[in-house]
Amino acid sequence: MRRYGVVFRAAVADERWPLPWRDLVRVLRELELSGEVRGGRFVSGYSGEQYALPEAVTALRAARSGSTSDASALLVRGSAVSNPVDDA
């Protein structure tokens, strides 16, 4: 989550996770209940559960509304979700 801010099944498909997705989702649900992450639909075009850090949710909302001036914004390729491209 620290890498992208948002985690969903397709985003981690190419990553080497020590847990299967079903186990990771259980942990993410617990983190959501404790308020450490938020669940929702953050990335369009992908179905299923998605989780994000609170600061990522804020950044995504700002980017959507066009009010972001953060030069550290990160663009992620849709064709290869695990390959970030620095937009700055």
N, C-alpha and C. Protein backbone atom coordinates (compact mmCIF):
# COMPACT_ATOMS: atom_id res chain seq x y z
N MET A 1 0.82 -1.19 0.00
CA MET A 1 0.00 0.00 0.00
C MET A 1 0.86 1.25 0.00
N ARG A 2 1.98 1.18 0.64
CA ARG A 2 2.86 2.37 0.64
C ARG A 2 3.37 2.67 -0.75
N ARG A 3 3.48 1.66 -1.58
CA ARG A 3 4.01 1.85 -2.93
C ARG A 3 3.03 2.60 -3.82
N TYR A 4 1.75 2.19 -3.83
CA TYR A 4 0.77 2.77 -4.74
C TYR A 4 -0.31 3.57 -4.04
N GLY A 5 -0.54 3.31 -2.77
CA GLY A 5 -1.61 3.98 -2.06
C GLY A 5 -2.94 3.26 -2.17
N VAL A 6 -3.13 2.51 -3.27
CA VAL A 6 -4.36 1.76 -3.51
C VAL A 6 -3.98 0.33 -3.83
N VAL A 7 -4.73 -0.62 -3.26
CA VAL A 7 -4.48 -2.04 -3.50
C VAL A 7 -5.77 -2.69 -3.96
N PHE A 8 -5.68 -3.45 -5.05
CA PHE A 8 -6.78 -4.28 -5.51
C PHE A 8 -6.17 -5.46 -6.26
N ARG A 9 -6.97 -6.46 -6.51
CA ARG A 9 -6.45 -7.73 -7.02
C ARG A 9 -5.61 -7.58 -8.29
N ALA A 10 -6.09 -6.84 -9.26
CA ALA A 10 -5.35 -6.68 -10.51
C ALA A 10 -4.03 -5.94 -10.30
N ALA A 11 -4.01 -5.03 -9.34
CA ALA A 11 -2.80 -4.24 -9.09
C ALA A 11 -1.68 -5.09 -8.50
N VAL A 12 -2.04 -6.13 -7.78
CA VAL A 12 -1.02 -6.96 -7.14
C VAL A 12 -0.79 -8.28 -7.88
N ALA A 13 -1.42 -8.44 -9.03
CA ALA A 13 -1.31 -9.70 -9.77
C ALA A 13 0.14 -10.04 -10.13
N ASP A 14 0.94 -9.03 -10.46
CA ASP A 14 2.33 -9.27 -10.87
C ASP A 14 3.31 -9.20 -9.71
N GLU A 15 2.82 -8.81 -8.54
CA GLU A 15 3.69 -8.72 -7.37
C GLU A 15 3.87 -10.09 -6.74
N ARG A 16 4.94 -10.25 -6.02
CA ARG A 16 5.18 -11.49 -5.29
C ARG A 16 4.73 -11.31 -3.85
N TRP A 17 3.51 -11.73 -3.56
CA TRP A 17 2.95 -11.61 -2.23
C TRP A 17 3.13 -12.92 -1.50
N PRO A 18 3.44 -12.88 -0.23
CA PRO A 18 3.60 -14.12 0.53
C PRO A 18 2.26 -14.78 0.84
N LEU A 19 1.15 -14.05 0.60
CA LEU A 19 -0.19 -14.56 0.89
C LEU A 19 -1.03 -14.58 -0.38
N PRO A 20 -1.96 -15.51 -0.48
CA PRO A 20 -2.93 -15.43 -1.58
C PRO A 20 -3.85 -14.22 -1.37
N TRP A 21 -4.46 -13.75 -2.44
CA TRP A 21 -5.32 -12.57 -2.38
C TRP A 21 -6.42 -12.72 -1.33
N ARG A 22 -7.03 -13.90 -1.24
CA ARG A 22 -8.12 -14.09 -0.27
C ARG A 22 -7.66 -13.84 1.16
N ASP A 23 -6.42 -14.20 1.48
CA ASP A 23 -5.88 -13.96 2.82
C ASP A 23 -5.52 -12.48 3.01
N LEU A 24 -5.01 -11.88 1.96
CA LEU A 24 -4.67 -10.47 2.01
C LEU A 24 -5.92 -9.62 2.23
N VAL A 25 -7.02 -10.00 1.58
CA VAL A 25 -8.27 -9.27 1.74
C VAL A 25 -8.76 -9.34 3.18
N ARG A 26 -8.59 -10.47 3.82
CA ARG A 26 -8.99 -10.58 5.23
C ARG A 26 -8.24 -9.57 6.09
N VAL A 27 -6.95 -9.45 5.86
CA VAL A 27 -6.13 -8.49 6.60
C VAL A 27 -6.58 -7.05 6.27
N LEU A 28 -6.82 -6.78 5.00
CA LEU A 28 -7.25 -5.44 4.60
C LEU A 28 -8.60 -5.09 5.22
N ARG A 29 -9.51 -6.05 5.31
CA ARG A 29 -10.81 -5.80 5.94
C ARG A 29 -10.63 -5.44 7.41
N GLU A 30 -9.71 -6.13 8.09
CA GLU A 30 -9.43 -5.81 9.49
C GLU A 30 -8.84 -4.40 9.62
N LEU A 31 -7.94 -4.05 8.71
CA LEU A 31 -7.36 -2.71 8.72
C LEU A 31 -8.42 -1.65 8.45
N GLU A 32 -9.39 -1.99 7.60
CA GLU A 32 -10.48 -1.05 7.34
C GLU A 32 -11.33 -0.85 8.60
N LEU A 33 -11.63 -1.93 9.29
CA LEU A 33 -12.42 -1.82 10.52
C LEU A 33 -11.70 -1.01 11.59
N SER A 34 -10.37 -1.07 11.60
CA SER A 34 -9.61 -0.31 12.59
C SER A 34 -9.35 1.14 12.14
N GLY A 35 -9.74 1.46 10.90
CA GLY A 35 -9.58 2.83 10.40
C GLY A 35 -8.24 3.13 9.78
N GLU A 36 -7.40 2.12 9.60
CA GLU A 36 -6.07 2.36 9.03
C GLU A 36 -6.09 2.46 7.51
N VAL A 37 -7.05 1.81 6.86
CA VAL A 37 -7.23 1.92 5.42
C VAL A 37 -8.71 2.14 5.15
N ARG A 38 -9.02 2.52 3.92
CA ARG A 38 -10.42 2.72 3.52
C ARG A 38 -10.74 1.78 2.37
N GLY A 39 -11.93 1.23 2.41
CA GLY A 39 -12.41 0.38 1.33
C GLY A 39 -13.33 1.17 0.43
N GLY A 40 -13.35 0.84 -0.85
CA GLY A 40 -14.24 1.54 -1.78
C GLY A 40 -13.85 1.23 -3.21
N ARG A 41 -14.33 2.06 -4.12
CA ARG A 41 -14.00 1.97 -5.54
C ARG A 41 -13.19 3.20 -5.89
N PHE A 42 -11.89 3.02 -6.01
CA PHE A 42 -10.99 4.16 -6.21
C PHE A 42 -10.44 4.23 -7.63
N VAL A 43 -10.27 3.08 -8.26
CA VAL A 43 -9.70 3.03 -9.62
C VAL A 43 -10.78 2.49 -10.55
N SER A 44 -11.20 3.30 -11.49
CA SER A 44 -12.25 2.86 -12.41
C SER A 44 -11.71 1.82 -13.37
N GLY A 45 -12.61 0.96 -13.82
CA GLY A 45 -12.23 -0.07 -14.77
C GLY A 45 -11.82 -1.38 -14.12
N TYR A 46 -11.78 -1.42 -12.80
CA TYR A 46 -11.40 -2.64 -12.08
C TYR A 46 -12.50 -2.98 -11.10
N SER A 47 -12.94 -4.23 -11.15
CA SER A 47 -13.99 -4.67 -10.24
C SER A 47 -13.38 -5.29 -9.00
N GLY A 48 -14.21 -5.55 -8.03
CA GLY A 48 -13.75 -6.19 -6.81
C GLY A 48 -13.37 -5.18 -5.75
N GLU A 49 -12.94 -5.74 -4.63
CA GLU A 49 -12.60 -4.90 -3.49
C GLU A 49 -11.33 -4.10 -3.76
N GLN A 50 -11.34 -2.85 -3.32
CA GLN A 50 -10.19 -1.97 -3.42
C GLN A 50 -10.00 -1.31 -2.07
N TYR A 51 -8.75 -1.14 -1.69
CA TYR A 51 -8.41 -0.52 -0.40
C TYR A 51 -7.36 0.55 -0.64
N ALA A 52 -7.45 1.62 0.12
CA ALA A 52 -6.50 2.73 -0.05
C ALA A 52 -6.14 3.33 1.30
N LEU A 53 -4.95 3.88 1.35
CA LEU A 53 -4.54 4.65 2.52
C LEU A 53 -5.35 5.94 2.55
N PRO A 54 -5.67 6.45 3.73
CA PRO A 54 -6.46 7.70 3.80
C PRO A 54 -5.83 8.85 3.02
N GLU A 55 -4.52 8.98 3.06
CA GLU A 55 -3.87 10.06 2.32
C GLU A 55 -3.95 9.85 0.81
N ALA A 56 -4.03 8.60 0.36
CA ALA A 56 -4.21 8.31 -1.07
C ALA A 56 -5.61 8.70 -1.51
N VAL A 57 -6.60 8.45 -0.65
CA VAL A 57 -7.97 8.84 -0.96
C VAL A 57 -8.06 10.35 -1.13
N THR A 58 -7.42 11.07 -0.23
CA THR A 58 -7.40 12.54 -0.32
C THR A 58 -6.74 13.00 -1.61
N ALA A 59 -5.61 12.39 -1.96
CA ALA A 59 -4.89 12.76 -3.19
C ALA A 59 -5.71 12.42 -4.44
N LEU A 60 -6.38 11.28 -4.43
CA LEU A 60 -7.21 10.90 -5.58
C LEU A 60 -8.39 11.85 -5.75
N ARG A 61 -9.00 12.25 -4.66
CA ARG A 61 -10.11 13.21 -4.74
C ARG A 61 -9.63 14.55 -5.27
N ALA A 62 -8.47 14.99 -4.80
CA ALA A 62 -7.92 16.26 -5.27
C ALA A 62 -7.57 16.19 -6.76
N ALA A 63 -7.02 15.06 -7.19
CA ALA A 63 -6.67 14.90 -8.60
C ALA A 63 -7.93 14.88 -9.46
N ARG A 64 -8.97 14.22 -8.98
CA ARG A 64 -10.22 14.15 -9.74
C ARG A 64 -10.86 15.52 -9.88
N SER A 65 -10.77 16.34 -8.84
CA SER A 65 -11.39 17.66 -8.89
C SER A 65 -10.48 18.68 -9.57
N GLY A 66 -9.25 18.28 -9.89
CA GLY A 66 -8.33 19.19 -10.56
C GLY A 66 -7.68 20.19 -9.63
N SER A 67 -7.79 19.99 -8.34
CA SER A 67 -7.23 20.96 -7.39
C SER A 67 -5.88 20.53 -6.84
N THR A 68 -5.23 19.57 -7.46
CA THR A 68 -3.94 19.13 -6.96
C THR A 68 -2.81 19.96 -7.55
N SER A 69 -1.88 20.33 -6.72
CA SER A 69 -0.67 21.01 -7.18
C SER A 69 0.54 20.25 -6.69
N ASP A 70 0.32 19.01 -6.30
CA ASP A 70 1.37 18.16 -5.75
C ASP A 70 2.25 17.64 -6.88
N ALA A 71 3.50 18.05 -6.91
CA ALA A 71 4.42 17.62 -7.97
C ALA A 71 4.84 16.18 -7.82
N SER A 72 4.51 15.55 -6.71
CA SER A 72 4.92 14.16 -6.52
C SER A 72 3.83 13.17 -6.94
N ALA A 73 2.84 13.65 -7.68
CA ALA A 73 1.78 12.75 -8.15
C ALA A 73 2.38 11.65 -9.02
N LEU A 74 1.84 10.49 -8.91
CA LEU A 74 2.37 9.33 -9.61
C LEU A 74 1.35 8.81 -10.59
N LEU A 75 1.77 8.58 -11.81
CA LEU A 75 0.91 8.03 -12.85
C LEU A 75 1.21 6.55 -12.96
N VAL A 76 0.19 5.71 -13.02
CA VAL A 76 0.39 4.27 -13.13
C VAL A 76 -0.20 3.82 -14.46
N ARG A 77 0.57 3.11 -15.24
CA ARG A 77 0.10 2.62 -16.53
C ARG A 77 -1.04 1.62 -16.34
N GLY A 78 -2.08 1.77 -17.12
CA GLY A 78 -3.21 0.85 -17.05
C GLY A 78 -2.87 -0.52 -17.61
N SER A 79 -1.96 -0.57 -18.56
CA SER A 79 -1.62 -1.85 -19.18
C SER A 79 -0.70 -2.69 -18.31
N ALA A 80 0.07 -2.06 -17.47
CA ALA A 80 0.98 -2.78 -16.58
C ALA A 80 0.92 -2.09 -15.21
N VAL A 81 -0.06 -2.45 -14.43
CA VAL A 81 -0.31 -1.75 -13.17
C VAL A 81 0.88 -1.74 -12.26
N SER A 82 1.72 -2.76 -12.34
CA SER A 82 2.86 -2.82 -11.43
C SER A 82 4.05 -1.99 -11.90
N ASN A 83 3.92 -1.27 -13.02
CA ASN A 83 5.00 -0.45 -13.53
C ASN A 83 4.66 1.03 -13.45
N PRO A 84 4.99 1.68 -12.33
CA PRO A 84 4.68 3.10 -12.21
C PRO A 84 5.60 3.94 -13.09
N VAL A 85 5.06 5.03 -13.56
CA VAL A 85 5.82 5.99 -14.38
C VAL A 85 5.73 7.32 -13.68
N ASP A 86 6.87 7.89 -13.33
CA ASP A 86 6.87 9.18 -12.63
C ASP A 86 6.42 10.26 -13.59
N ASP A 87 5.38 10.99 -13.22
CA ASP A 87 4.81 12.02 -14.05
C ASP A 87 5.50 13.36 -13.86
N ALA A 88 6.29 13.51 -12.83
CA ALA A 88 6.94 14.80 -12.53
C ALA A 88 8.18 15.00 -13.36
